Amino acid sequence: MTGDLQVPGGPLIPAGELRWRYSSSGGPGGQHANTSNTRAEVFFDAAASDALSPAERELVTGRLGPLVRVVASDERSQLQNRRLAMERLGERIAEALEIPPDRRPTSPSRRELSRRRQARQHQQRRRQLRRWTYGGDE
């Protein structure tokens, strides 16, 4: 299950650009957990990747760094953890490649401006009533 990685809505990353490392994972599993290397760790060198265009490479390295690392040790099977690590790596790269839409500034409506003006005037009146004057209005 160390095939190519299809990034959702993005490029296809060949298996040759992914490096894997396996180690024993903690948690439940008894003797099996102590003897099996079920924790899967995948590395993707985004800075040296040929699968990414220069613009995509810049986005990924700027947001995730030159070396992207994902770890999965949720399951007791190395195969399932490899699948999880591939999914997570694809999701992280897809999020890094996502470009948010430009914000278009809007101006407040006349009703909103009127409401703000009334709120200011109401507050000014309340503050005027709190003022103490020395014998002037008696």
N, C-alpha and C. Protein backbone atom coordinates (compact mmCIF):
# COMPACT_ATOMS: atom_id res chain seq x y z
N MET A 1 0.83 -1.19 0.00
CA MET A 1 0.00 0.00 0.00
C MET A 1 0.87 1.25 0.00
N THR A 2 2.04 1.14 -0.60
CA THR A 2 2.87 2.33 -0.70
C THR A 2 2.82 2.84 -2.13
N GLY A 3 1.63 2.96 -2.68
CA GLY A 3 1.45 3.44 -4.05
C GLY A 3 1.48 4.95 -4.10
N ASP A 4 1.09 5.44 -5.27
CA ASP A 4 1.05 6.88 -5.49
C ASP A 4 -0.04 7.52 -4.64
N LEU A 5 0.16 8.79 -4.33
CA LEU A 5 -0.80 9.54 -3.51
C LEU A 5 -1.51 10.55 -4.39
N GLN A 6 -2.82 10.41 -4.53
CA GLN A 6 -3.63 11.39 -5.25
C GLN A 6 -4.15 12.39 -4.24
N VAL A 7 -3.63 13.61 -4.31
CA VAL A 7 -4.08 14.67 -3.41
C VAL A 7 -5.48 15.08 -3.85
N PRO A 8 -6.46 15.12 -2.93
CA PRO A 8 -7.81 15.51 -3.31
C PRO A 8 -7.84 16.90 -3.96
N GLY A 9 -8.25 16.94 -5.22
CA GLY A 9 -8.31 18.20 -5.95
C GLY A 9 -6.95 18.75 -6.30
N GLY A 10 -5.93 17.90 -6.28
CA GLY A 10 -4.57 18.38 -6.54
C GLY A 10 -3.77 17.40 -7.35
N PRO A 11 -2.46 17.49 -7.26
CA PRO A 11 -1.58 16.66 -8.09
C PRO A 11 -1.47 15.22 -7.60
N LEU A 12 -0.90 14.38 -8.46
CA LEU A 12 -0.59 12.99 -8.13
C LEU A 12 0.87 12.94 -7.71
N ILE A 13 1.12 12.47 -6.49
CA ILE A 13 2.49 12.38 -5.99
C ILE A 13 2.94 10.94 -6.12
N PRO A 14 3.99 10.69 -6.90
CA PRO A 14 4.45 9.31 -7.08
C PRO A 14 5.01 8.73 -5.79
N ALA A 15 4.94 7.41 -5.68
CA ALA A 15 5.40 6.72 -4.47
C ALA A 15 6.89 6.95 -4.22
N GLY A 16 7.65 7.20 -5.28
CA GLY A 16 9.09 7.41 -5.13
C GLY A 16 9.44 8.67 -4.36
N GLU A 17 8.52 9.61 -4.26
CA GLU A 17 8.79 10.85 -3.53
C GLU A 17 8.38 10.76 -2.06
N LEU A 18 7.82 9.64 -1.66
CA LEU A 18 7.41 9.44 -0.26
C LEU A 18 8.41 8.53 0.42
N ARG A 19 8.82 8.90 1.61
CA ARG A 19 9.71 8.05 2.41
C ARG A 19 8.92 7.56 3.62
N TRP A 20 9.08 6.30 3.94
CA TRP A 20 8.34 5.69 5.05
C TRP A 20 9.30 5.27 6.15
N ARG A 21 8.80 5.32 7.38
CA ARG A 21 9.54 4.80 8.53
C ARG A 21 8.52 4.14 9.45
N TYR A 22 8.88 3.00 9.98
CA TYR A 22 7.97 2.24 10.84
C TYR A 22 8.65 2.04 12.19
N SER A 23 7.84 2.12 13.24
CA SER A 23 8.35 1.90 14.59
C SER A 23 7.24 1.31 15.43
N SER A 24 7.59 0.88 16.62
CA SER A 24 6.56 0.31 17.49
C SER A 24 5.73 1.44 18.08
N SER A 25 4.44 1.20 18.14
CA SER A 25 3.55 2.22 18.68
C SER A 25 3.18 1.86 20.10
N GLY A 26 2.90 2.89 20.89
CA GLY A 26 2.50 2.65 22.26
C GLY A 26 1.03 2.29 22.33
N GLY A 27 0.53 2.15 23.53
CA GLY A 27 -0.89 1.89 23.69
C GLY A 27 -1.20 0.41 23.80
N PRO A 28 -2.49 0.06 23.69
CA PRO A 28 -2.90 -1.33 23.88
C PRO A 28 -2.43 -2.23 22.75
N GLY A 29 -2.43 -3.51 23.02
CA GLY A 29 -2.03 -4.48 22.01
C GLY A 29 -1.19 -5.60 22.61
N GLY A 30 -0.79 -5.45 23.86
CA GLY A 30 -0.06 -6.51 24.54
C GLY A 30 1.26 -6.82 23.88
N GLN A 31 1.56 -8.11 23.78
CA GLN A 31 2.84 -8.54 23.20
C GLN A 31 2.93 -8.13 21.73
N HIS A 32 1.81 -8.10 21.03
CA HIS A 32 1.81 -7.73 19.61
C HIS A 32 2.36 -6.32 19.44
N ALA A 33 1.94 -5.39 20.30
CA ALA A 33 2.38 -3.99 20.19
C ALA A 33 3.86 -3.87 20.50
N ASN A 34 4.37 -4.73 21.37
CA ASN A 34 5.78 -4.64 21.75
C ASN A 34 6.71 -5.22 20.70
N THR A 35 6.21 -6.09 19.84
CA THR A 35 7.08 -6.76 18.88
C THR A 35 6.88 -6.29 17.45
N SER A 36 5.79 -5.61 17.16
CA SER A 36 5.50 -5.23 15.77
C SER A 36 5.72 -3.73 15.56
N ASN A 37 6.22 -3.41 14.40
CA ASN A 37 6.40 -2.01 14.03
C ASN A 37 5.15 -1.55 13.29
N THR A 38 4.13 -1.16 14.05
CA THR A 38 2.85 -0.80 13.44
C THR A 38 2.68 0.70 13.24
N ARG A 39 3.48 1.50 13.89
CA ARG A 39 3.38 2.96 13.74
C ARG A 39 3.99 3.35 12.41
N ALA A 40 3.22 4.03 11.57
CA ALA A 40 3.68 4.43 10.25
C ALA A 40 3.93 5.93 10.21
N GLU A 41 5.06 6.29 9.63
CA GLU A 41 5.44 7.69 9.52
C GLU A 41 5.83 7.93 8.06
N VAL A 42 5.22 8.91 7.42
CA VAL A 42 5.52 9.19 6.02
C VAL A 42 6.09 10.59 5.91
N PHE A 43 7.11 10.74 5.08
CA PHE A 43 7.77 12.01 4.85
C PHE A 43 7.63 12.38 3.38
N PHE A 44 7.37 13.65 3.12
CA PHE A 44 7.27 14.15 1.76
C PHE A 44 8.13 15.39 1.66
N ASP A 45 9.15 15.34 0.80
CA ASP A 45 10.05 16.48 0.61
C ASP A 45 9.42 17.40 -0.44
N ALA A 46 8.65 18.37 0.03
CA ALA A 46 7.93 19.26 -0.87
C ALA A 46 8.87 20.18 -1.63
N ALA A 47 9.98 20.55 -1.02
CA ALA A 47 10.90 21.48 -1.66
C ALA A 47 11.57 20.86 -2.88
N ALA A 48 11.77 19.54 -2.88
CA ALA A 48 12.46 18.87 -3.99
C ALA A 48 11.51 18.07 -4.86
N SER A 49 10.21 18.25 -4.69
CA SER A 49 9.22 17.45 -5.41
C SER A 49 9.10 17.89 -6.87
N ASP A 50 9.07 16.90 -7.77
CA ASP A 50 8.81 17.17 -9.19
C ASP A 50 7.33 17.09 -9.50
N ALA A 51 6.54 16.53 -8.59
CA ALA A 51 5.10 16.37 -8.82
C ALA A 51 4.36 17.69 -8.66
N LEU A 52 4.94 18.62 -7.92
CA LEU A 52 4.29 19.91 -7.68
C LEU A 52 4.83 20.95 -8.67
N SER A 53 3.94 21.81 -9.11
CA SER A 53 4.38 22.93 -9.95
C SER A 53 5.11 23.93 -9.05
N PRO A 54 5.87 24.85 -9.63
CA PRO A 54 6.58 25.83 -8.78
C PRO A 54 5.64 26.62 -7.86
N ALA A 55 4.46 26.97 -8.35
CA ALA A 55 3.51 27.72 -7.51
C ALA A 55 3.00 26.84 -6.37
N GLU A 56 2.69 25.57 -6.68
CA GLU A 56 2.21 24.65 -5.65
C GLU A 56 3.32 24.38 -4.63
N ARG A 57 4.55 24.22 -5.12
CA ARG A 57 5.68 23.96 -4.23
C ARG A 57 5.86 25.12 -3.26
N GLU A 58 5.71 26.34 -3.76
CA GLU A 58 5.85 27.52 -2.91
C GLU A 58 4.75 27.57 -1.85
N LEU A 59 3.52 27.24 -2.25
CA LEU A 59 2.41 27.23 -1.29
C LEU A 59 2.64 26.21 -0.18
N VAL A 60 3.00 24.97 -0.57
CA VAL A 60 3.17 23.90 0.41
C VAL A 60 4.35 24.19 1.33
N THR A 61 5.47 24.59 0.77
CA THR A 61 6.64 24.86 1.64
C THR A 61 6.40 26.07 2.53
N GLY A 62 5.66 27.06 2.03
CA GLY A 62 5.37 28.22 2.85
C GLY A 62 4.44 27.93 4.01
N ARG A 63 3.51 27.00 3.81
CA ARG A 63 2.52 26.71 4.85
C ARG A 63 2.88 25.52 5.72
N LEU A 64 3.56 24.52 5.15
CA LEU A 64 3.86 23.30 5.92
C LEU A 64 5.35 23.09 6.15
N GLY A 65 6.18 23.85 5.45
CA GLY A 65 7.61 23.66 5.56
C GLY A 65 8.13 22.79 4.43
N PRO A 66 9.46 22.71 4.28
CA PRO A 66 10.02 21.96 3.16
C PRO A 66 9.82 20.45 3.29
N LEU A 67 9.75 19.94 4.50
CA LEU A 67 9.56 18.50 4.72
C LEU A 67 8.26 18.30 5.49
N VAL A 68 7.31 17.62 4.84
CA VAL A 68 6.01 17.37 5.47
C VAL A 68 6.06 15.97 6.09
N ARG A 69 5.68 15.87 7.36
CA ARG A 69 5.73 14.60 8.09
C ARG A 69 4.37 14.32 8.69
N VAL A 70 3.90 13.07 8.48
CA VAL A 70 2.61 12.65 9.03
C VAL A 70 2.81 11.31 9.73
N VAL A 71 2.20 11.15 10.89
CA VAL A 71 2.33 9.93 11.69
C VAL A 71 0.95 9.35 11.92
N ALA A 72 0.86 8.02 11.87
CA ALA A 72 -0.39 7.34 12.20
C ALA A 72 -0.06 6.12 13.04
N SER A 73 -0.64 6.07 14.23
CA SER A 73 -0.46 4.89 15.09
C SER A 73 -1.78 4.55 15.76
N ASP A 74 -2.89 4.89 15.10
CA ASP A 74 -4.22 4.69 15.68
C ASP A 74 -4.63 3.22 15.71
N GLU A 75 -4.25 2.49 14.68
CA GLU A 75 -4.70 1.11 14.53
C GLU A 75 -3.61 0.15 14.98
N ARG A 76 -3.98 -1.13 15.09
CA ARG A 76 -3.01 -2.15 15.50
C ARG A 76 -2.34 -2.81 14.31
N SER A 77 -2.74 -2.42 13.12
CA SER A 77 -2.18 -2.99 11.90
C SER A 77 -1.33 -1.95 11.18
N GLN A 78 -0.17 -2.38 10.70
CA GLN A 78 0.70 -1.46 9.98
C GLN A 78 0.04 -1.01 8.67
N LEU A 79 -0.65 -1.91 8.00
CA LEU A 79 -1.31 -1.59 6.74
C LEU A 79 -2.37 -0.50 6.93
N GLN A 80 -3.17 -0.65 7.98
CA GLN A 80 -4.20 0.37 8.25
C GLN A 80 -3.56 1.70 8.62
N ASN A 81 -2.47 1.68 9.37
CA ASN A 81 -1.78 2.91 9.73
C ASN A 81 -1.14 3.57 8.51
N ARG A 82 -0.65 2.77 7.57
CA ARG A 82 -0.11 3.33 6.33
C ARG A 82 -1.21 4.02 5.54
N ARG A 83 -2.37 3.40 5.47
CA ARG A 83 -3.51 4.02 4.77
C ARG A 83 -3.91 5.33 5.43
N LEU A 84 -3.98 5.31 6.77
CA LEU A 84 -4.32 6.53 7.51
C LEU A 84 -3.29 7.64 7.26
N ALA A 85 -2.02 7.29 7.27
CA ALA A 85 -0.96 8.28 7.05
C ALA A 85 -1.07 8.87 5.65
N MET A 86 -1.36 8.03 4.66
CA MET A 86 -1.51 8.53 3.28
C MET A 86 -2.69 9.49 3.19
N GLU A 87 -3.83 9.12 3.81
CA GLU A 87 -5.01 9.99 3.80
C GLU A 87 -4.70 11.34 4.44
N ARG A 88 -4.06 11.30 5.60
CA ARG A 88 -3.75 12.53 6.33
C ARG A 88 -2.78 13.41 5.56
N LEU A 89 -1.79 12.79 4.91
CA LEU A 89 -0.83 13.56 4.11
C LEU A 89 -1.55 14.22 2.94
N GLY A 90 -2.44 13.48 2.28
CA GLY A 90 -3.20 14.07 1.18
C GLY A 90 -4.06 15.23 1.63
N GLU A 91 -4.71 15.09 2.79
CA GLU A 91 -5.55 16.16 3.32
C GLU A 91 -4.73 17.39 3.67
N ARG A 92 -3.56 17.18 4.29
CA ARG A 92 -2.72 18.32 4.68
C ARG A 92 -2.21 19.07 3.46
N ILE A 93 -1.81 18.32 2.42
CA ILE A 93 -1.31 18.98 1.21
C ILE A 93 -2.45 19.70 0.51
N ALA A 94 -3.64 19.08 0.48
CA ALA A 94 -4.80 19.73 -0.15
C ALA A 94 -5.15 21.02 0.57
N GLU A 95 -5.11 21.02 1.91
CA GLU A 95 -5.38 22.25 2.68
C GLU A 95 -4.34 23.32 2.39
N ALA A 96 -3.07 22.90 2.24
CA ALA A 96 -2.01 23.86 1.98
C ALA A 96 -2.14 24.46 0.58
N LEU A 97 -2.68 23.68 -0.36
CA LEU A 97 -2.83 24.16 -1.73
C LEU A 97 -4.07 25.01 -1.93
N GLU A 98 -4.97 25.01 -0.95
CA GLU A 98 -6.22 25.76 -1.08
C GLU A 98 -5.95 27.25 -0.98
N ILE A 99 -6.48 27.97 -1.94
CA ILE A 99 -6.31 29.43 -1.95
C ILE A 99 -7.66 30.05 -1.56
N PRO A 100 -7.70 30.79 -0.46
CA PRO A 100 -8.98 31.38 -0.03
C PRO A 100 -9.44 32.44 -1.02
N PRO A 101 -10.74 32.58 -1.19
CA PRO A 101 -11.24 33.60 -2.12
C PRO A 101 -10.93 35.01 -1.60
N ASP A 102 -10.76 35.93 -2.53
CA ASP A 102 -10.49 37.32 -2.15
C ASP A 102 -11.71 37.91 -1.46
N ARG A 103 -11.47 38.68 -0.41
CA ARG A 103 -12.56 39.34 0.29
C ARG A 103 -12.92 40.61 -0.44
N ARG A 104 -14.18 40.81 -0.62
CA ARG A 104 -14.65 42.03 -1.28
C ARG A 104 -15.28 42.92 -0.22
N PRO A 105 -14.67 44.07 0.03
CA PRO A 105 -15.23 44.94 1.07
C PRO A 105 -16.59 45.48 0.65
N THR A 106 -17.48 45.56 1.61
CA THR A 106 -18.81 46.10 1.35
C THR A 106 -19.03 47.28 2.27
N SER A 107 -19.94 48.16 1.87
CA SER A 107 -20.25 49.31 2.72
C SER A 107 -21.56 49.03 3.45
N PRO A 108 -21.72 49.59 4.65
CA PRO A 108 -22.95 49.35 5.41
C PRO A 108 -24.17 49.94 4.70
N SER A 109 -25.30 49.31 4.89
CA SER A 109 -26.54 49.79 4.27
C SER A 109 -27.00 51.07 4.98
N ARG A 110 -27.95 51.76 4.34
CA ARG A 110 -28.48 53.00 4.95
C ARG A 110 -29.15 52.69 6.28
N ARG A 111 -29.84 51.57 6.33
CA ARG A 111 -30.53 51.18 7.57
C ARG A 111 -29.52 50.96 8.70
N GLU A 112 -28.41 50.29 8.37
CA GLU A 112 -27.38 50.05 9.38
C GLU A 112 -26.74 51.35 9.84
N LEU A 113 -26.47 52.26 8.92
CA LEU A 113 -25.91 53.56 9.29
C LEU A 113 -26.86 54.33 10.19
N SER A 114 -28.16 54.28 9.86
CA SER A 114 -29.17 54.95 10.68
C SER A 114 -29.22 54.35 12.08
N ARG A 115 -29.17 53.02 12.16
CA ARG A 115 -29.20 52.34 13.46
C ARG A 115 -27.99 52.74 14.30
N ARG A 116 -26.81 52.82 13.68
CA ARG A 116 -25.61 53.22 14.41
C ARG A 116 -25.72 54.66 14.91
N ARG A 117 -26.23 55.54 14.05
CA ARG A 117 -26.40 56.95 14.44
C ARG A 117 -27.35 57.07 15.63
N GLN A 118 -28.48 56.35 15.57
CA GLN A 118 -29.44 56.38 16.68
C GLN A 118 -28.83 55.84 17.97
N ALA A 119 -28.03 54.78 17.85
CA ALA A 119 -27.39 54.22 19.04
C ALA A 119 -26.42 55.22 19.65
N ARG A 120 -25.67 55.93 18.81
CA ARG A 120 -24.75 56.97 19.32
C ARG A 120 -25.51 58.08 20.02
N GLN A 121 -26.60 58.54 19.40
CA GLN A 121 -27.37 59.63 19.99
C GLN A 121 -27.99 59.21 21.32
N HIS A 122 -28.47 57.97 21.37
CA HIS A 122 -29.05 57.45 22.62
C HIS A 122 -28.00 57.42 23.72
N GLN A 123 -26.80 56.97 23.38
CA GLN A 123 -25.72 56.91 24.36
C GLN A 123 -25.33 58.32 24.81
N GLN A 124 -25.30 59.28 23.89
CA GLN A 124 -24.96 60.66 24.25
C GLN A 124 -25.99 61.23 25.22
N ARG A 125 -27.27 60.96 24.95
CA ARG A 125 -28.32 61.44 25.86
C ARG A 125 -28.17 60.84 27.25
N ARG A 126 -27.88 59.56 27.32
CA ARG A 126 -27.70 58.91 28.64
C ARG A 126 -26.54 59.53 29.39
N ARG A 127 -25.47 59.84 28.71
CA ARG A 127 -24.31 60.43 29.36
C ARG A 127 -24.60 61.86 29.80
N GLN A 128 -25.37 62.61 29.00
CA GLN A 128 -25.73 63.98 29.38
C GLN A 128 -26.55 63.98 30.67
N LEU A 129 -27.44 63.00 30.81
CA LEU A 129 -28.28 62.93 32.01
C LEU A 129 -27.46 62.63 33.26
N ARG A 130 -26.32 61.99 33.10
CA ARG A 130 -25.49 61.65 34.25
C ARG A 130 -24.66 62.84 34.73
N ARG A 131 -24.49 63.85 33.89
CA ARG A 131 -23.62 64.97 34.25
C ARG A 131 -24.20 65.76 35.42
N TRP A 132 -23.31 66.20 36.23
CA TRP A 132 -23.68 67.01 37.38
C TRP A 132 -23.35 68.45 37.04
N THR A 133 -24.30 69.34 37.22
CA THR A 133 -24.03 70.77 36.98
C THR A 133 -24.19 71.50 38.31
N TYR A 134 -23.40 72.53 38.49
CA TYR A 134 -23.42 73.27 39.75
C TYR A 134 -24.48 74.35 39.70
N GLY A 135 -25.62 74.11 40.27
CA GLY A 135 -26.69 75.08 40.44
C GLY A 135 -27.12 75.80 39.18
N GLY A 136 -26.81 75.36 38.04
CA GLY A 136 -27.14 76.08 36.83
C GLY A 136 -28.60 75.93 36.42
N ASP A 137 -29.18 74.75 36.50
CA ASP A 137 -30.52 74.50 35.95
C ASP A 137 -31.58 74.43 37.05
N GLU A 138 -31.41 75.06 38.16
CA GLU A 138 -32.41 74.93 39.23
C GLU A 138 -33.42 76.01 39.21
